[in-house]
């Protein structure tokens, strides 16, 4: 794409969108596993641990979602930049 005149942000954009989508899917899976563990722990240790604060749990799940998206986005940004900074002579030799 660089050969035909596309700038780096135009090349990078679809990769970053897809990585944000993958990060959100991963974060939703992690949040689902977290819900399962909290449910299991609460049923097994009912007298010791009680997770009834839904506001705190909602904040926790939002943080997990944001961190999942951020980690995926940042790693994709650096990976794509590595290949964008390579000279085209080295790509095709």
Protein backbone atom coordinates (compact mmCIF):
# COMPACT_ATOMS: atom_id res chain seq x y z
CA UNK A 1 0.00 0.00 0.00
CA UNK A 2 2.93 2.31 0.59
CA UNK A 3 4.05 1.76 -2.99
CA UNK A 4 0.80 3.23 -4.34
CA UNK A 5 0.98 6.22 -1.99
CA UNK A 6 -1.00 5.30 1.12
CA UNK A 7 0.16 7.01 4.29
CA UNK A 8 0.98 5.04 7.43
CA UNK A 9 -2.18 5.92 9.36
CA UNK A 10 -4.37 4.72 6.47
CA UNK A 11 -2.53 1.39 6.44
CA UNK A 12 -2.54 1.05 10.23
CA UNK A 13 -6.24 1.87 10.81
CA UNK A 14 -7.91 -1.46 9.83
CA UNK A 15 -5.41 -3.44 11.89
CA UNK A 16 -6.10 -1.30 14.95
CA UNK A 17 -9.88 -1.62 14.54
CA UNK A 18 -9.64 -5.39 14.26
CA UNK A 19 -7.31 -5.59 17.27
CA UNK A 20 -9.76 -3.54 19.36
CA UNK A 21 -12.49 -5.99 18.37
CA UNK A 22 -10.31 -8.97 19.31
CA UNK A 23 -9.36 -7.29 22.59
CA UNK A 24 -13.01 -6.75 23.46
CA UNK A 25 -13.83 -10.41 22.70
CA UNK A 26 -10.93 -11.53 24.87
CA UNK A 27 -12.01 -9.21 27.66
CA UNK A 28 -15.58 -10.50 27.49
CA UNK A 29 -14.30 -14.07 27.77
CA UNK A 30 -12.15 -13.05 30.74
CA UNK A 31 -15.12 -11.28 32.36
CA UNK A 32 -17.27 -14.39 31.83
CA UNK A 33 -14.64 -16.54 33.50
CA UNK A 34 -14.44 -14.01 36.32
CA UNK A 35 -18.22 -14.17 36.78
CA UNK A 36 -18.03 -17.95 36.93
CA UNK A 37 -15.27 -17.90 39.52
CA UNK A 38 -17.11 -15.33 41.65
CA UNK A 39 -20.29 -17.42 41.45
CA UNK A 40 -18.39 -20.59 42.40
CA UNK A 41 -16.55 -18.94 45.29
CA UNK A 42 -19.71 -17.33 46.60
CA UNK A 43 -21.61 -20.64 46.56
CA UNK A 44 -18.80 -22.62 48.19
CA UNK A 45 -17.78 -20.07 50.83
CA UNK A 46 -21.08 -18.37 51.50
CA UNK A 47 -20.36 -17.42 55.09
CA UNK A 48 -16.85 -16.11 54.40
CA UNK A 49 -17.13 -14.19 51.12
CA UNK A 50 -20.11 -12.21 49.89
CA UNK A 51 -20.04 -10.39 46.52
CA UNK A 52 -23.20 -8.32 46.63
CA UNK A 53 -21.80 -4.94 45.54
CA UNK A 54 -22.91 -4.84 41.90
CA UNK A 55 -21.50 -1.35 41.38
CA UNK A 56 -18.03 -2.57 42.27
CA UNK A 57 -18.40 -5.63 40.03
CA UNK A 58 -19.57 -3.44 37.14
CA UNK A 59 -16.55 -1.19 37.54
CA UNK A 60 -14.31 -4.27 37.63
CA UNK A 61 -15.77 -5.62 34.38
CA UNK A 62 -15.43 -2.25 32.65
CA UNK A 63 -11.78 -2.07 33.74
CA UNK A 64 -11.17 -5.61 32.41
CA UNK A 65 -12.76 -4.60 29.10
CA UNK A 66 -10.70 -1.42 28.77
CA UNK A 67 -7.45 -3.16 29.68
CA UNK A 68 -8.15 -5.96 27.19
CA UNK A 69 -8.76 -3.47 24.39
CA UNK A 70 -5.75 -1.35 25.35
CA UNK A 71 -3.28 -4.25 25.50
CA UNK A 72 -4.42 -5.56 22.14
CA UNK A 73 -4.42 -2.11 20.53
CA UNK A 74 -0.96 -1.16 21.81
CA UNK A 75 0.65 -4.44 20.77
CA UNK A 76 -0.89 -4.22 17.29
CA UNK A 77 0.25 -0.61 16.94
CA UNK A 78 3.87 -1.52 17.63
CA UNK A 79 3.74 -4.64 15.44
CA UNK A 80 2.33 -2.76 12.46
CA UNK A 81 4.79 0.10 12.94
CA UNK A 82 7.67 -2.35 12.78
CA UNK A 83 6.64 -3.40 9.28
CA UNK A 84 5.75 0.11 8.16
CA UNK A 85 9.24 1.35 9.00
CA UNK A 86 10.97 -1.29 6.88
CA UNK A 87 12.23 0.04 3.57
CA UNK A 88 10.42 -1.45 0.58
CA UNK A 89 13.73 -2.68 -0.88
CA UNK A 90 14.12 -5.06 2.08
CA UNK A 91 10.53 -6.33 1.84
CA UNK A 92 10.90 -7.76 -1.65
CA UNK A 93 14.45 -9.11 -1.61
